[in-house]
N, C-alpha and C. Protein backbone atom coordinates (compact mmCIF):
# COMPACT_ATOMS: atom_id res chain seq x y z
N MET A 1 -10.41 22.03 -29.92
CA MET A 1 -9.31 22.45 -29.07
C MET A 1 -8.04 22.49 -29.92
N THR A 2 -7.22 23.47 -29.67
CA THR A 2 -5.99 23.64 -30.42
C THR A 2 -4.92 22.69 -29.92
N THR A 3 -3.88 22.52 -30.71
CA THR A 3 -2.77 21.65 -30.32
C THR A 3 -2.10 22.15 -29.05
N SER A 4 -1.90 23.46 -28.92
CA SER A 4 -1.26 23.99 -27.72
C SER A 4 -2.15 23.78 -26.49
N GLY A 5 -3.45 23.82 -26.68
CA GLY A 5 -4.37 23.55 -25.56
C GLY A 5 -4.27 22.11 -25.09
N ARG A 6 -4.14 21.17 -26.03
CA ARG A 6 -3.99 19.76 -25.67
C ARG A 6 -2.68 19.53 -24.94
N VAL A 7 -1.61 20.17 -25.42
CA VAL A 7 -0.30 20.02 -24.79
C VAL A 7 -0.36 20.51 -23.35
N ARG A 8 -0.99 21.69 -23.14
CA ARG A 8 -1.10 22.23 -21.78
C ARG A 8 -1.93 21.31 -20.90
N ARG A 9 -2.96 20.72 -21.45
CA ARG A 9 -3.82 19.84 -20.67
C ARG A 9 -3.11 18.53 -20.32
N LEU A 10 -2.27 18.03 -21.21
CA LEU A 10 -1.58 16.76 -20.98
C LEU A 10 -0.26 16.92 -20.24
N ALA A 11 0.26 18.13 -20.11
CA ALA A 11 1.54 18.36 -19.44
C ALA A 11 1.56 17.82 -18.01
N PRO A 12 0.53 18.07 -17.17
CA PRO A 12 0.57 17.52 -15.82
C PRO A 12 0.61 15.99 -15.81
N LEU A 13 -0.10 15.35 -16.74
CA LEU A 13 -0.08 13.90 -16.83
C LEU A 13 1.31 13.41 -17.21
N ALA A 14 1.95 14.07 -18.15
CA ALA A 14 3.30 13.68 -18.55
C ALA A 14 4.28 13.84 -17.39
N LEU A 15 4.13 14.90 -16.61
CA LEU A 15 4.99 15.12 -15.46
C LEU A 15 4.78 14.03 -14.42
N LEU A 16 3.53 13.68 -14.17
CA LEU A 16 3.23 12.61 -13.22
C LEU A 16 3.82 11.29 -13.67
N LEU A 17 3.69 10.94 -14.93
CA LEU A 17 4.25 9.70 -15.45
C LEU A 17 5.77 9.69 -15.35
N ALA A 18 6.41 10.83 -15.62
CA ALA A 18 7.87 10.92 -15.49
C ALA A 18 8.29 10.72 -14.04
N PHE A 19 7.55 11.31 -13.11
CA PHE A 19 7.86 11.15 -11.68
C PHE A 19 7.71 9.70 -11.25
N LEU A 20 6.62 9.06 -11.66
CA LEU A 20 6.40 7.66 -11.30
C LEU A 20 7.47 6.76 -11.91
N GLY A 21 7.88 7.05 -13.13
CA GLY A 21 8.95 6.28 -13.77
C GLY A 21 10.26 6.41 -13.02
N ALA A 22 10.57 7.62 -12.57
CA ALA A 22 11.81 7.83 -11.81
C ALA A 22 11.74 7.13 -10.46
N ALA A 23 10.58 7.15 -9.82
CA ALA A 23 10.43 6.48 -8.52
C ALA A 23 10.59 4.97 -8.67
N ALA A 24 10.12 4.43 -9.77
CA ALA A 24 10.22 2.99 -10.00
C ALA A 24 11.67 2.55 -10.22
N CYS A 25 12.55 3.48 -10.57
CA CYS A 25 13.95 3.15 -10.84
C CYS A 25 14.79 3.16 -9.57
N GLY A 26 14.20 3.42 -8.42
CA GLY A 26 14.94 3.45 -7.17
C GLY A 26 15.43 2.07 -6.80
N PRO A 27 16.07 1.94 -5.63
CA PRO A 27 16.58 0.64 -5.22
C PRO A 27 15.43 -0.35 -5.06
N PRO A 28 15.66 -1.61 -5.43
CA PRO A 28 14.58 -2.60 -5.33
C PRO A 28 14.21 -2.83 -3.86
N ARG A 29 12.93 -2.98 -3.62
CA ARG A 29 12.46 -3.25 -2.26
C ARG A 29 12.52 -4.74 -2.00
N VAL A 30 13.03 -5.11 -0.85
CA VAL A 30 13.09 -6.51 -0.45
C VAL A 30 11.76 -6.86 0.20
N PRO A 31 11.10 -7.91 -0.27
CA PRO A 31 9.84 -8.30 0.37
C PRO A 31 10.09 -8.68 1.83
N THR A 32 9.22 -8.22 2.70
CA THR A 32 9.36 -8.53 4.12
C THR A 32 8.06 -9.09 4.67
N LEU A 33 8.20 -9.81 5.76
CA LEU A 33 7.08 -10.35 6.51
C LEU A 33 7.08 -9.61 7.84
N ARG A 34 5.94 -9.17 8.26
CA ARG A 34 5.83 -8.47 9.55
C ARG A 34 5.02 -9.33 10.50
N GLN A 35 5.61 -9.61 11.65
CA GLN A 35 4.98 -10.45 12.66
C GLN A 35 5.10 -9.75 14.01
N GLY A 36 4.23 -10.11 14.93
CA GLY A 36 4.29 -9.52 16.25
C GLY A 36 3.94 -10.51 17.34
N THR A 37 4.37 -10.20 18.53
CA THR A 37 3.99 -10.93 19.75
C THR A 37 3.47 -9.88 20.73
N ALA A 38 3.24 -10.27 21.95
CA ALA A 38 2.74 -9.32 22.95
C ALA A 38 3.73 -8.16 23.17
N SER A 39 5.04 -8.44 23.11
CA SER A 39 6.05 -7.43 23.43
C SER A 39 6.91 -6.97 22.27
N TYR A 40 6.94 -7.71 21.17
CA TYR A 40 7.90 -7.44 20.10
C TYR A 40 7.22 -7.32 18.74
N PHE A 41 7.89 -6.56 17.86
CA PHE A 41 7.47 -6.44 16.48
C PHE A 41 8.64 -6.88 15.62
N PHE A 42 8.43 -7.85 14.72
CA PHE A 42 9.48 -8.42 13.89
C PHE A 42 9.27 -8.03 12.42
N THR A 43 10.36 -7.66 11.76
CA THR A 43 10.36 -7.49 10.31
C THR A 43 11.35 -8.52 9.80
N ILE A 44 10.85 -9.45 8.98
CA ILE A 44 11.62 -10.63 8.58
C ILE A 44 11.81 -10.62 7.06
N SER A 45 13.04 -10.82 6.63
CA SER A 45 13.32 -10.98 5.20
C SER A 45 14.26 -12.17 5.04
N SER A 46 14.32 -12.69 3.81
CA SER A 46 15.20 -13.83 3.57
C SER A 46 15.89 -13.69 2.23
N GLU A 47 16.99 -14.38 2.10
CA GLU A 47 17.76 -14.38 0.86
C GLU A 47 18.24 -15.80 0.63
N PRO A 48 17.97 -16.43 -0.48
CA PRO A 48 17.25 -15.91 -1.63
C PRO A 48 15.74 -15.97 -1.44
N ILE A 49 15.06 -15.23 -2.30
CA ILE A 49 13.60 -15.26 -2.35
C ILE A 49 13.22 -15.71 -3.75
N PRO A 50 12.38 -16.67 -3.90
CA PRO A 50 11.76 -17.51 -2.88
C PRO A 50 12.76 -18.56 -2.39
N PRO A 51 12.52 -19.09 -1.19
CA PRO A 51 13.42 -20.14 -0.69
C PRO A 51 13.26 -21.43 -1.49
N ARG A 52 14.37 -22.13 -1.64
CA ARG A 52 14.36 -23.41 -2.34
C ARG A 52 14.94 -24.49 -1.42
N ALA A 53 14.48 -25.71 -1.64
CA ALA A 53 14.97 -26.84 -0.86
C ALA A 53 16.46 -27.03 -1.09
N ARG A 54 17.15 -27.47 -0.05
CA ARG A 54 18.57 -27.82 -0.06
C ARG A 54 19.50 -26.65 -0.37
N GLU A 55 19.05 -25.43 -0.06
CA GLU A 55 19.91 -24.25 -0.15
C GLU A 55 19.90 -23.56 1.20
N ASP A 56 21.01 -22.91 1.55
CA ASP A 56 21.05 -22.12 2.77
C ASP A 56 20.22 -20.86 2.55
N ILE A 57 19.23 -20.65 3.39
CA ILE A 57 18.38 -19.47 3.34
C ILE A 57 18.77 -18.61 4.54
N ILE A 58 19.24 -17.41 4.27
CA ILE A 58 19.65 -16.50 5.34
C ILE A 58 18.47 -15.58 5.67
N TYR A 59 18.04 -15.65 6.92
CA TYR A 59 16.96 -14.80 7.40
C TYR A 59 17.56 -13.61 8.13
N LYS A 60 16.99 -12.44 7.88
CA LYS A 60 17.36 -11.21 8.60
C LYS A 60 16.12 -10.82 9.40
N ILE A 61 16.29 -10.67 10.71
CA ILE A 61 15.16 -10.38 11.59
C ILE A 61 15.45 -9.09 12.34
N GLU A 62 14.63 -8.08 12.10
CA GLU A 62 14.72 -6.83 12.85
C GLU A 62 13.70 -6.89 13.97
N VAL A 63 14.12 -6.57 15.19
CA VAL A 63 13.24 -6.68 16.35
C VAL A 63 13.10 -5.33 17.03
N LYS A 64 11.85 -4.94 17.27
CA LYS A 64 11.57 -3.69 17.99
C LYS A 64 10.63 -3.96 19.14
N ASP A 65 10.78 -3.15 20.20
CA ASP A 65 9.85 -3.20 21.32
C ASP A 65 8.50 -2.70 20.82
N LYS A 66 7.45 -3.45 21.09
CA LYS A 66 6.13 -3.10 20.55
C LYS A 66 5.59 -1.80 21.15
N LYS A 67 5.88 -1.53 22.41
CA LYS A 67 5.36 -0.32 23.06
C LYS A 67 6.13 0.94 22.67
N THR A 68 7.46 0.85 22.68
CA THR A 68 8.28 2.04 22.46
C THR A 68 8.75 2.21 21.01
N GLY A 69 8.75 1.13 20.26
CA GLY A 69 9.26 1.19 18.89
C GLY A 69 10.78 1.17 18.82
N GLN A 70 11.44 1.03 19.96
CA GLN A 70 12.91 1.02 19.99
C GLN A 70 13.45 -0.35 19.61
N PRO A 71 14.58 -0.40 18.89
CA PRO A 71 15.18 -1.69 18.54
C PRO A 71 15.67 -2.44 19.77
N ILE A 72 15.54 -3.76 19.74
CA ILE A 72 16.04 -4.62 20.82
C ILE A 72 17.38 -5.17 20.35
N ASP A 73 18.47 -4.70 20.96
CA ASP A 73 19.80 -5.00 20.45
C ASP A 73 20.49 -6.18 21.13
N LEU A 74 20.12 -6.53 22.33
CA LEU A 74 20.84 -7.59 23.04
C LEU A 74 19.94 -8.77 23.38
N GLY A 75 18.98 -9.06 22.53
CA GLY A 75 18.06 -10.15 22.78
C GLY A 75 18.63 -11.50 22.38
N GLU A 76 17.82 -12.52 22.64
CA GLU A 76 18.18 -13.88 22.27
C GLU A 76 17.00 -14.50 21.56
N GLY A 77 17.29 -15.29 20.52
CA GLY A 77 16.19 -15.92 19.82
C GLY A 77 16.64 -17.03 18.91
N ARG A 78 15.65 -17.65 18.29
CA ARG A 78 15.93 -18.70 17.33
C ARG A 78 14.80 -18.75 16.32
N ILE A 79 15.10 -19.31 15.16
CA ILE A 79 14.11 -19.56 14.12
C ILE A 79 14.08 -21.06 13.89
N PHE A 80 12.90 -21.59 13.68
CA PHE A 80 12.77 -23.04 13.49
C PHE A 80 11.65 -23.31 12.50
N ALA A 81 11.67 -24.49 11.89
CA ALA A 81 10.66 -24.84 10.90
C ALA A 81 10.48 -26.35 10.87
N ASN A 82 9.27 -26.77 10.54
CA ASN A 82 9.02 -28.20 10.37
C ASN A 82 7.87 -28.42 9.38
N THR A 83 7.84 -29.64 8.83
CA THR A 83 6.78 -30.02 7.91
C THR A 83 5.83 -30.98 8.62
N ILE A 84 4.70 -31.21 8.02
CA ILE A 84 3.73 -32.15 8.58
C ILE A 84 4.30 -33.57 8.58
N GLU A 85 5.25 -33.83 7.65
CA GLU A 85 5.88 -35.16 7.58
C GLU A 85 6.97 -35.35 8.63
N GLY A 86 7.37 -34.29 9.33
CA GLY A 86 8.35 -34.41 10.41
C GLY A 86 9.74 -33.88 10.11
N ALA A 87 9.99 -33.34 8.91
CA ALA A 87 11.30 -32.74 8.63
C ALA A 87 11.44 -31.47 9.48
N ARG A 88 12.66 -31.22 9.99
CA ARG A 88 12.88 -30.06 10.86
C ARG A 88 14.19 -29.36 10.51
N THR A 89 14.23 -28.07 10.82
CA THR A 89 15.46 -27.28 10.71
C THR A 89 15.35 -26.12 11.71
N TYR A 90 16.49 -25.66 12.22
CA TYR A 90 16.46 -24.53 13.16
C TYR A 90 17.84 -23.89 13.24
N ASP A 91 17.88 -22.67 13.77
CA ASP A 91 19.14 -21.98 13.99
C ASP A 91 18.93 -20.88 15.02
N GLY A 92 19.96 -20.60 15.81
CA GLY A 92 19.92 -19.51 16.77
C GLY A 92 20.24 -18.19 16.10
N PHE A 93 19.74 -17.10 16.67
CA PHE A 93 20.02 -15.77 16.15
C PHE A 93 21.47 -15.39 16.40
N VAL A 94 22.05 -14.72 15.42
CA VAL A 94 23.38 -14.13 15.53
C VAL A 94 23.20 -12.63 15.38
N LYS A 95 23.81 -11.87 16.27
CA LYS A 95 23.70 -10.41 16.22
C LYS A 95 24.30 -9.90 14.92
N ALA A 96 23.55 -9.11 14.18
CA ALA A 96 24.01 -8.49 12.93
C ALA A 96 24.55 -7.09 13.24
N PRO A 97 25.29 -6.48 12.32
CA PRO A 97 25.85 -5.15 12.58
C PRO A 97 24.81 -4.06 12.85
N ALA A 98 23.67 -4.10 12.18
CA ALA A 98 22.65 -3.06 12.38
C ALA A 98 21.98 -3.22 13.75
N VAL A 99 21.67 -2.11 14.38
CA VAL A 99 21.05 -2.11 15.70
C VAL A 99 19.69 -2.84 15.63
N GLY A 100 19.47 -3.76 16.57
CA GLY A 100 18.21 -4.48 16.64
C GLY A 100 18.00 -5.51 15.55
N THR A 101 19.08 -5.91 14.88
CA THR A 101 18.96 -6.85 13.77
C THR A 101 19.76 -8.11 14.05
N TYR A 102 19.19 -9.24 13.67
CA TYR A 102 19.79 -10.55 13.88
C TYR A 102 19.72 -11.32 12.56
N SER A 103 20.54 -12.36 12.45
CA SER A 103 20.46 -13.23 11.28
C SER A 103 20.45 -14.68 11.75
N ALA A 104 19.93 -15.53 10.89
CA ALA A 104 19.90 -16.97 11.15
C ALA A 104 19.80 -17.67 9.80
N LYS A 105 20.19 -18.94 9.77
CA LYS A 105 20.22 -19.69 8.51
C LYS A 105 19.38 -20.96 8.65
N LEU A 106 18.51 -21.18 7.68
CA LEU A 106 17.75 -22.43 7.61
C LEU A 106 18.07 -23.12 6.30
N ASN A 107 18.02 -24.45 6.33
CA ASN A 107 18.18 -25.25 5.12
C ASN A 107 17.02 -26.23 5.09
N PHE A 108 16.08 -25.98 4.20
CA PHE A 108 14.89 -26.82 4.08
C PHE A 108 15.26 -28.06 3.26
N VAL A 109 15.08 -29.25 3.82
CA VAL A 109 15.52 -30.47 3.15
C VAL A 109 14.56 -30.92 2.05
N THR A 110 13.32 -30.45 2.09
CA THR A 110 12.34 -30.81 1.07
C THR A 110 11.55 -29.58 0.66
N SER A 111 10.95 -29.65 -0.50
CA SER A 111 10.06 -28.58 -0.93
C SER A 111 8.69 -28.81 -0.31
N GLY A 112 7.84 -27.82 -0.42
CA GLY A 112 6.49 -27.92 0.12
C GLY A 112 6.22 -26.84 1.14
N GLN A 113 5.19 -27.07 1.93
CA GLN A 113 4.80 -26.08 2.93
C GLN A 113 5.44 -26.40 4.28
N TRP A 114 6.05 -25.38 4.86
CA TRP A 114 6.72 -25.49 6.15
C TRP A 114 6.06 -24.53 7.14
N ALA A 115 5.92 -24.98 8.38
CA ALA A 115 5.50 -24.11 9.48
C ALA A 115 6.79 -23.53 10.06
N VAL A 116 6.92 -22.20 10.05
CA VAL A 116 8.12 -21.52 10.52
C VAL A 116 7.76 -20.70 11.74
N GLY A 117 8.66 -20.64 12.71
CA GLY A 117 8.41 -19.86 13.90
C GLY A 117 9.66 -19.19 14.41
N ILE A 118 9.44 -18.17 15.22
CA ILE A 118 10.52 -17.47 15.91
C ILE A 118 10.18 -17.45 17.39
N GLN A 119 11.18 -17.73 18.22
CA GLN A 119 11.09 -17.51 19.66
C GLN A 119 12.12 -16.45 20.01
N PHE A 120 11.73 -15.50 20.87
CA PHE A 120 12.62 -14.39 21.18
C PHE A 120 12.30 -13.83 22.55
N HIS A 121 13.34 -13.35 23.24
CA HIS A 121 13.17 -12.51 24.43
C HIS A 121 14.31 -11.50 24.51
N SER A 122 14.00 -10.35 25.11
CA SER A 122 14.98 -9.26 25.16
C SER A 122 16.11 -9.55 26.14
N ASP A 123 15.87 -10.37 27.13
CA ASP A 123 16.92 -10.84 28.04
C ASP A 123 16.42 -12.09 28.75
N SER A 124 17.33 -12.78 29.43
CA SER A 124 17.01 -14.09 30.02
C SER A 124 16.01 -14.01 31.18
N THR A 125 15.74 -12.81 31.70
CA THR A 125 14.76 -12.71 32.78
C THR A 125 13.32 -12.64 32.25
N ARG A 126 13.17 -12.44 30.94
CA ARG A 126 11.84 -12.33 30.33
C ARG A 126 11.48 -13.65 29.65
N PRO A 127 10.20 -13.98 29.60
CA PRO A 127 9.81 -15.25 28.94
C PRO A 127 10.00 -15.16 27.42
N LEU A 128 10.25 -16.32 26.81
CA LEU A 128 10.31 -16.39 25.36
C LEU A 128 8.91 -16.15 24.79
N GLU A 129 8.84 -15.37 23.73
CA GLU A 129 7.58 -15.15 23.03
C GLU A 129 7.72 -15.72 21.63
N LYS A 130 6.62 -16.27 21.11
CA LYS A 130 6.67 -16.98 19.83
C LYS A 130 5.69 -16.41 18.82
N THR A 131 6.14 -16.37 17.56
CA THR A 131 5.27 -16.05 16.43
C THR A 131 5.52 -17.10 15.36
N GLU A 132 4.49 -17.40 14.56
CA GLU A 132 4.59 -18.46 13.56
C GLU A 132 3.94 -18.04 12.25
N TRP A 133 4.35 -18.65 11.14
CA TRP A 133 3.74 -18.44 9.84
C TRP A 133 4.00 -19.67 8.97
N MET A 134 3.33 -19.73 7.84
CA MET A 134 3.53 -20.81 6.88
C MET A 134 4.41 -20.29 5.74
N GLN A 135 5.34 -21.15 5.30
CA GLN A 135 6.30 -20.78 4.26
C GLN A 135 6.29 -21.84 3.16
N ASP A 136 6.06 -21.41 1.92
CA ASP A 136 6.18 -22.32 0.78
C ASP A 136 7.64 -22.36 0.35
N VAL A 137 8.17 -23.58 0.19
CA VAL A 137 9.55 -23.78 -0.25
C VAL A 137 9.51 -24.46 -1.61
N LEU A 138 10.19 -23.87 -2.58
CA LEU A 138 10.23 -24.42 -3.93
C LEU A 138 11.16 -25.62 -4.01
N PRO A 139 11.00 -26.45 -5.04
CA PRO A 139 11.93 -27.58 -5.21
C PRO A 139 13.36 -27.11 -5.40
N GLU A 140 14.30 -28.00 -5.10
CA GLU A 140 15.72 -27.63 -5.27
C GLU A 140 16.01 -27.37 -6.74
N ARG A 141 17.03 -26.57 -6.97
CA ARG A 141 17.43 -26.25 -8.34
C ARG A 141 18.10 -27.47 -8.96
N SER A 142 17.93 -27.61 -10.26
CA SER A 142 18.64 -28.68 -10.95
C SER A 142 20.09 -28.27 -11.11
N GLY A 143 20.94 -29.17 -11.50
CA GLY A 143 22.36 -28.89 -11.68
C GLY A 143 22.66 -28.02 -12.86
N ILE A 144 21.65 -27.67 -13.66
CA ILE A 144 21.84 -26.83 -14.85
C ILE A 144 21.82 -25.36 -14.45
N PRO A 145 22.89 -24.60 -14.77
CA PRO A 145 22.89 -23.17 -14.40
C PRO A 145 21.91 -22.35 -15.19
């Protein structure tokens, strides 16, 4: 095969690699957790990732109606967490600027595995619905920057 034949054969591969490289340079994706209940679909993210003990962890919770896919903008909820040893933390949802989005802050007092949950309802006439997951929390940072 001639050199020009090899170039023509490899050109589509080079184009694909260039496209993939450009796509990888886009904005970084924030890892999210997706949870659901009978009526709601939650997309949960936190900052910082991974969470560390004795730091404020800000959770962002996007809530949508499971049937319609529409954001739930005037709901009420809370996030809570506890360890098997009995340590606990919790916070109520605060309405965020984005439609259907809430924020809450947790401060894990120890590292290890935490059971985390959310309770939420779209209004006070509806029952609270709960979803839960396990969260690994890293040890607190040392005083060295």
